[in-house]
């Protein structure tokens, strides 16, 4: 994952909402590399779950 500031995509699969304190930890914290990896993985996983769920709900609404 590439940060938006470094030319990365502005896409939900790479985004996660953070409070200002958590954002500061992600950018400047002692364990920022670990936190960035965990957040990237979480954002990707949650986006995949959301896409799968919205696909299922669309298919269900078409049947009705």
PDB file of N, CA and C in Angstrom:
ATOM      1  N   UNK A   1       0.850  -1.187   0.000  1.00  0.00           N
ATOM      2  CA  UNK A   1       0.000   0.000   0.000  1.00  0.00           C
ATOM      3  C   UNK A   1       0.887   1.238   0.000  1.00  0.00           C
ATOM      4  N   UNK A   2       0.537   2.168  -0.860  1.00  0.00           N
ATOM      5  CA  UNK A   2       1.280   3.415  -0.941  1.00  0.00           C
ATOM      6  C   UNK A   2       0.415   4.539  -0.399  1.00  0.00           C
ATOM      7  N   UNK A   3       0.986   5.368   0.443  1.00  0.00           N
ATOM      8  CA  UNK A   3       0.260   6.495   1.020  1.00  0.00           C
ATOM      9  C   UNK A   3      -0.219   7.445  -0.067  1.00  0.00           C
ATOM     10  N   UNK A   4      -1.356   8.071   0.137  1.00  0.00           N
ATOM     11  CA  UNK A   4      -1.904   9.029  -0.823  1.00  0.00           C
ATOM     12  C   UNK A   4      -0.904  10.162  -1.048  1.00  0.00           C
ATOM     13  N   UNK A   5      -0.248  10.609   0.016  1.00  0.00           N
ATOM     14  CA  UNK A   5       0.733  11.688  -0.098  1.00  0.00           C
ATOM     15  C   UNK A   5       1.902  11.307  -1.002  1.00  0.00           C
ATOM     16  N   UNK A   6       2.096  10.007  -1.197  1.00  0.00           N
ATOM     17  CA  UNK A   6       3.192   9.527  -2.046  1.00  0.00           C
ATOM     18  C   UNK A   6       2.680   8.978  -3.379  1.00  0.00           C
ATOM     19  N   UNK A   7       1.457   9.368  -3.754  1.00  0.00           N
ATOM     20  CA  UNK A   7       0.911   8.957  -5.037  1.00  0.00           C
ATOM     21  C   UNK A   7       0.030   7.724  -4.987  1.00  0.00           C
ATOM     22  N   UNK A   8      -0.318   7.257  -3.795  1.00  0.00           N
ATOM     23  CA  UNK A   8      -1.176   6.087  -3.653  1.00  0.00           C
ATOM     24  C   UNK A   8      -2.615   6.373  -4.045  1.00  0.00           C
ATOM     25  N   UNK A   9      -3.377   5.302  -4.187  1.00  0.00           N
ATOM     26  CA  UNK A   9      -4.786   5.424  -4.581  1.00  0.00           C
ATOM     27  C   UNK A   9      -5.636   5.976  -3.450  1.00  0.00           C
ATOM     28  N   UNK A  10      -6.629   6.757  -3.806  1.00  0.00           N
ATOM     29  CA  UNK A  10      -7.634   7.243  -2.858  1.00  0.00           C
ATOM     30  C   UNK A  10      -8.831   6.315  -3.019  1.00  0.00           C
ATOM     31  N   UNK A  11      -8.748   5.138  -2.416  1.00  0.00           N
ATOM     32  CA  UNK A  11      -9.750   4.095  -2.612  1.00  0.00           C
ATOM     33  C   UNK A  11     -10.102   3.463  -1.264  1.00  0.00           C
ATOM     34  N   UNK A  12     -11.380   3.121  -1.048  1.00  0.00           N
ATOM     35  CA  UNK A  12     -11.800   2.540   0.230  1.00  0.00           C
ATOM     36  C   UNK A  12     -11.012   1.301   0.670  1.00  0.00           C
ATOM     37  N   UNK A  13     -10.475   0.549  -0.281  1.00  0.00           N
ATOM     38  CA  UNK A  13      -9.715  -0.637   0.113  1.00  0.00           C
ATOM     39  C   UNK A  13      -8.394  -0.278   0.780  1.00  0.00           C
ATOM     40  N   UNK A  14      -8.038   0.997   0.750  1.00  0.00           N
ATOM     41  CA  UNK A  14      -6.794   1.457   1.359  1.00  0.00           C
ATOM     42  C   UNK A  14      -7.034   2.512   2.434  1.00  0.00           C
ATOM     43  N   UNK A  15      -8.291   2.668   2.868  1.00  0.00           N
ATOM     44  CA  UNK A  15      -8.603   3.710   3.843  1.00  0.00           C
ATOM     45  C   UNK A  15      -9.175   3.111   5.120  1.00  0.00           C
ATOM     46  N   UNK A  16      -8.891   3.792   6.205  1.00  0.00           N
ATOM     47  CA  UNK A  16      -9.488   3.436   7.485  1.00  0.00           C
ATOM     48  C   UNK A  16      -9.596   4.725   8.301  1.00  0.00           C
ATOM     49  N   UNK A  17     -10.702   4.917   8.975  1.00  0.00           N
ATOM     50  CA  UNK A  17     -10.917   6.132   9.761  1.00  0.00           C
ATOM     51  C   UNK A  17     -10.106   6.060  11.053  1.00  0.00           C
ATOM     52  N   UNK A  18      -9.398   7.145  11.343  1.00  0.00           N
ATOM     53  CA  UNK A  18      -8.592   7.224  12.561  1.00  0.00           C
ATOM     54  C   UNK A  18      -8.842   8.553  13.258  1.00  0.00           C
ATOM     55  N   UNK A  19      -8.816   8.517  14.563  1.00  0.00           N
ATOM     56  CA  UNK A  19      -8.870   9.757  15.332  1.00  0.00           C
ATOM     57  C   UNK A  19      -7.512  10.456  15.168  1.00  0.00           C
ATOM     58  N   UNK A  20      -7.425  11.730  15.506  1.00  0.00           N
ATOM     59  CA  UNK A  20      -6.156  12.451  15.351  1.00  0.00           C
ATOM     60  C   UNK A  20      -4.981  11.800  16.086  1.00  0.00           C
ATOM     61  N   UNK A  21      -5.223  11.282  17.273  1.00  0.00           N
ATOM     62  CA  UNK A  21      -4.139  10.653  18.029  1.00  0.00           C
ATOM     63  C   UNK A  21      -3.634   9.390  17.344  1.00  0.00           C
ATOM     64  N   UNK A  22      -4.546   8.557  16.861  1.00  0.00           N
ATOM     65  CA  UNK A  22      -4.156   7.330  16.168  1.00  0.00           C
ATOM     66  C   UNK A  22      -3.457   7.648  14.847  1.00  0.00           C
ATOM     67  N   UNK A  23      -3.921   8.689  14.169  1.00  0.00           N
ATOM     68  CA  UNK A  23      -3.274   9.088  12.922  1.00  0.00           C
ATOM     69  C   UNK A  23      -1.830   9.522  13.193  1.00  0.00           C
ATOM     70  N   UNK A  24      -1.641  10.262  14.265  1.00  0.00           N
ATOM     71  CA  UNK A  24      -0.283  10.679  14.629  1.00  0.00           C
ATOM     72  C   UNK A  24       0.600   9.469  14.931  1.00  0.00           C
ATOM     73  N   UNK A  25       0.045   8.478  15.628  1.00  0.00           N
ATOM     74  CA  UNK A  25       0.806   7.257  15.919  1.00  0.00           C
ATOM     75  C   UNK A  25       1.157   6.526  14.623  1.00  0.00           C
ATOM     76  N   UNK A  26       0.224   6.507  13.679  1.00  0.00           N
ATOM     77  CA  UNK A  26       0.455   5.838  12.393  1.00  0.00           C
ATOM     78  C   UNK A  26       1.558   6.541  11.608  1.00  0.00           C
ATOM     79  N   UNK A  27       1.620   7.843  11.706  1.00  0.00           N
ATOM     80  CA  UNK A  27       2.596   8.611  10.936  1.00  0.00           C
ATOM     81  C   UNK A  27       3.940   8.780  11.634  1.00  0.00           C
ATOM     82  N   UNK A  28       3.916   8.953  12.969  1.00  0.00           N
ATOM     83  CA  UNK A  28       5.151   9.302  13.663  1.00  0.00           C
ATOM     84  C   UNK A  28       5.484   8.424  14.860  1.00  0.00           C
ATOM     85  N   UNK A  29       4.624   7.465  15.154  1.00  0.00           N
ATOM     86  CA  UNK A  29       4.829   6.627  16.332  1.00  0.00           C
ATOM     87  C   UNK A  29       6.034   5.692  16.219  1.00  0.00           C
ATOM     88  N   UNK A  30       6.506   5.246  17.345  1.00  0.00           N
ATOM     89  CA  UNK A  30       7.659   4.356  17.404  1.00  0.00           C
ATOM     90  C   UNK A  30       7.412   3.062  16.633  1.00  0.00           C
ATOM     91  N   UNK A  31       6.189   2.562  16.694  1.00  0.00           N
ATOM     92  CA  UNK A  31       5.821   1.308  16.020  1.00  0.00           C
ATOM     93  C   UNK A  31       4.989   1.555  14.760  1.00  0.00           C
ATOM     94  N   UNK A  32       5.219   2.678  14.089  1.00  0.00           N
ATOM     95  CA  UNK A  32       4.391   3.065  12.947  1.00  0.00           C
ATOM     96  C   UNK A  32       4.400   2.051  11.809  1.00  0.00           C
ATOM     97  N   UNK A  33       5.521   1.406  11.545  1.00  0.00           N
ATOM     98  CA  UNK A  33       5.572   0.435  10.443  1.00  0.00           C
ATOM     99  C   UNK A  33       4.652  -0.746  10.728  1.00  0.00           C
ATOM    100  N   UNK A  34       4.650  -1.214  11.963  1.00  0.00           N
ATOM    101  CA  UNK A  34       3.763  -2.323  12.348  1.00  0.00           C
ATOM    102  C   UNK A  34       2.314  -1.869  12.278  1.00  0.00           C
ATOM    103  N   UNK A  35       2.020  -0.700  12.825  1.00  0.00           N
ATOM    104  CA  UNK A  35       0.658  -0.176  12.820  1.00  0.00           C
ATOM    105  C   UNK A  35       0.168   0.049  11.391  1.00  0.00           C
ATOM    106  N   UNK A  36       1.013   0.585  10.520  1.00  0.00           N
ATOM    107  CA  UNK A  36       0.626   0.804   9.130  1.00  0.00           C
ATOM    108  C   UNK A  36       0.283  -0.517   8.451  1.00  0.00           C
ATOM    109  N   UNK A  37       1.055  -1.550   8.729  1.00  0.00           N
ATOM    110  CA  UNK A  37       0.785  -2.868   8.128  1.00  0.00           C
ATOM    111  C   UNK A  37      -0.537  -3.434   8.631  1.00  0.00           C
ATOM    112  N   UNK A  38      -0.792  -3.311   9.931  1.00  0.00           N
ATOM    113  CA  UNK A  38      -2.041  -3.816  10.517  1.00  0.00           C
ATOM    114  C   UNK A  38      -3.235  -3.048   9.952  1.00  0.00           C
ATOM    115  N   UNK A  39      -3.119  -1.737   9.867  1.00  0.00           N
ATOM    116  CA  UNK A  39      -4.223  -0.923   9.339  1.00  0.00           C
ATOM    117  C   UNK A  39      -4.479  -1.218   7.871  1.00  0.00           C
ATOM    118  N   UNK A  40      -3.426  -1.387   7.083  1.00  0.00           N
ATOM    119  CA  UNK A  40      -3.584  -1.705   5.663  1.00  0.00           C
ATOM    120  C   UNK A  40      -4.293  -3.040   5.493  1.00  0.00           C
ATOM    121  N   UNK A  41      -3.901  -4.012   6.268  1.00  0.00           N
ATOM    122  CA  UNK A  41      -4.527  -5.334   6.203  1.00  0.00           C
ATOM    123  C   UNK A  41      -5.994  -5.260   6.610  1.00  0.00           C
ATOM    124  N   UNK A  42      -6.263  -4.535   7.670  1.00  0.00           N
ATOM    125  CA  UNK A  42      -7.630  -4.387   8.162  1.00  0.00           C
ATOM    126  C   UNK A  42      -8.507  -3.677   7.129  1.00  0.00           C
ATOM    127  N   UNK A  43      -8.005  -2.596   6.536  1.00  0.00           N
ATOM    128  CA  UNK A  43      -8.783  -1.862   5.531  1.00  0.00           C
ATOM    129  C   UNK A  43      -9.093  -2.753   4.334  1.00  0.00           C
ATOM    130  N   UNK A  44      -8.106  -3.486   3.874  1.00  0.00           N
ATOM    131  CA  UNK A  44      -8.310  -4.368   2.714  1.00  0.00           C
ATOM    132  C   UNK A  44      -9.335  -5.463   3.036  1.00  0.00           C
ATOM    133  N   UNK A  45      -9.209  -6.079   4.215  1.00  0.00           N
ATOM    134  CA  UNK A  45     -10.122  -7.145   4.615  1.00  0.00           C
ATOM    135  C   UNK A  45     -11.550  -6.625   4.779  1.00  0.00           C
ATOM    136  N   UNK A  46     -11.706  -5.489   5.435  1.00  0.00           N
ATOM    137  CA  UNK A  46     -13.045  -4.937   5.658  1.00  0.00           C
ATOM    138  C   UNK A  46     -13.688  -4.496   4.341  1.00  0.00           C
ATOM    139  N   UNK A  47     -12.895  -3.968   3.429  1.00  0.00           N
ATOM    140  CA  UNK A  47     -13.437  -3.583   2.128  1.00  0.00           C
ATOM    141  C   UNK A  47     -13.930  -4.828   1.378  1.00  0.00           C
ATOM    142  N   UNK A  48     -13.161  -5.901   1.420  1.00  0.00           N
ATOM    143  CA  UNK A  48     -13.564  -7.151   0.751  1.00  0.00           C
ATOM    144  C   UNK A  48     -14.865  -7.681   1.344  1.00  0.00           C
ATOM    145  N   UNK A  49     -15.005  -7.610   2.654  1.00  0.00           N
ATOM    146  CA  UNK A  49     -16.236  -8.061   3.315  1.00  0.00           C
ATOM    147  C   UNK A  49     -17.406  -7.188   2.869  1.00  0.00           C
ATOM    148  N   UNK A  50     -17.192  -5.877   2.807  1.00  0.00           N
ATOM    149  CA  UNK A  50     -18.248  -4.961   2.401  1.00  0.00           C
ATOM    150  C   UNK A  50     -18.669  -5.230   0.952  1.00  0.00           C
ATOM    151  N   UNK A  51     -17.694  -5.412   0.068  1.00  0.00           N
ATOM    152  CA  UNK A  51     -18.004  -5.677  -1.343  1.00  0.00           C
ATOM    153  C   UNK A  51     -18.797  -6.973  -1.464  1.00  0.00           C
ATOM    154  N   UNK A  52     -18.376  -8.004  -0.762  1.00  0.00           N
ATOM    155  CA  UNK A  52     -19.081  -9.285  -0.806  1.00  0.00           C
ATOM    156  C   UNK A  52     -20.510  -9.122  -0.285  1.00  0.00           C
ATOM    157  N   UNK A  53     -20.674  -8.399   0.806  1.00  0.00           N
ATOM    158  CA  UNK A  53     -22.000  -8.180   1.381  1.00  0.00           C
ATOM    159  C   UNK A  53     -22.900  -7.369   0.477  1.00  0.00           C
ATOM    160  N   UNK A  54     -22.343  -6.339  -0.168  1.00  0.00           N
ATOM    161  CA  UNK A  54     -23.185  -5.520  -1.051  1.00  0.00           C
ATOM    162  C   UNK A  54     -23.569  -6.298  -2.301  1.00  0.00           C
ATOM    163  N   UNK A  55     -22.716  -7.194  -2.762  1.00  0.00           N
ATOM    164  CA  UNK A  55     -23.026  -8.043  -3.916  1.00  0.00           C
ATOM    165  C   UNK A  55     -24.160  -8.993  -3.576  1.00  0.00           C
ATOM    166  N   UNK A  56     -24.098  -9.574  -2.388  1.00  0.00           N
ATOM    167  CA  UNK A  56     -25.143 -10.506  -1.941  1.00  0.00           C
ATOM    168  C   UNK A  56     -26.461  -9.764  -1.788  1.00  0.00           C
ATOM    169  N   UNK A  57     -26.446  -8.567  -1.199  1.00  0.00           N
ATOM    170  CA  UNK A  57     -27.701  -7.825  -0.990  1.00  0.00           C
ATOM    171  C   UNK A  57     -28.293  -7.370  -2.324  1.00  0.00           C
ATOM    172  N   UNK A  58     -27.445  -7.028  -3.294  1.00  0.00           N
ATOM    173  CA  UNK A  58     -27.954  -6.661  -4.614  1.00  0.00           C
ATOM    174  C   UNK A  58     -28.608  -7.840  -5.306  1.00  0.00           C
ATOM    175  N   UNK A  59     -27.980  -9.004  -5.188  1.00  0.00           N
ATOM    176  CA  UNK A  59     -28.537 -10.215  -5.796  1.00  0.00           C
ATOM    177  C   UNK A  59     -29.878 -10.559  -5.144  1.00  0.00           C
ATOM    178  N   UNK A  60     -29.959 -10.394  -3.830  1.00  0.00           N
ATOM    179  CA  UNK A  60     -31.202 -10.688  -3.108  1.00  0.00           C
ATOM    180  C   UNK A  60     -32.306  -9.708  -3.516  1.00  0.00           C
ATOM    181  N   UNK A  61     -31.969  -8.427  -3.648  1.00  0.00           N
ATOM    182  CA  UNK A  61     -32.996  -7.435  -4.013  1.00  0.00           C
ATOM    183  C   UNK A  61     -33.481  -7.628  -5.444  1.00  0.00           C
ATOM    184  N   UNK A  62     -32.658  -8.169  -6.318  1.00  0.00           N
ATOM    185  CA  UNK A  62     -33.082  -8.428  -7.688  1.00  0.00           C
ATOM    186  C   UNK A  62     -34.094  -9.560  -7.749  1.00  0.00           C
ATOM    187  N   UNK A  63     -33.979 -10.512  -6.827  1.00  0.00           N
ATOM    188  CA  UNK A  63     -34.903 -11.655  -6.811  1.00  0.00           C
ATOM    189  C   UNK A  63     -36.291 -11.235  -6.355  1.00  0.00           C
ATOM    190  N   UNK A  64     -36.374 -10.180  -5.539  1.00  0.00           N
ATOM    191  CA  UNK A  64     -37.664  -9.764  -4.981  1.00  0.00           C
ATOM    192  C   UNK A  64     -38.377  -8.894  -5.921  1.00  0.00           C
TER     193      UNK A  64
END
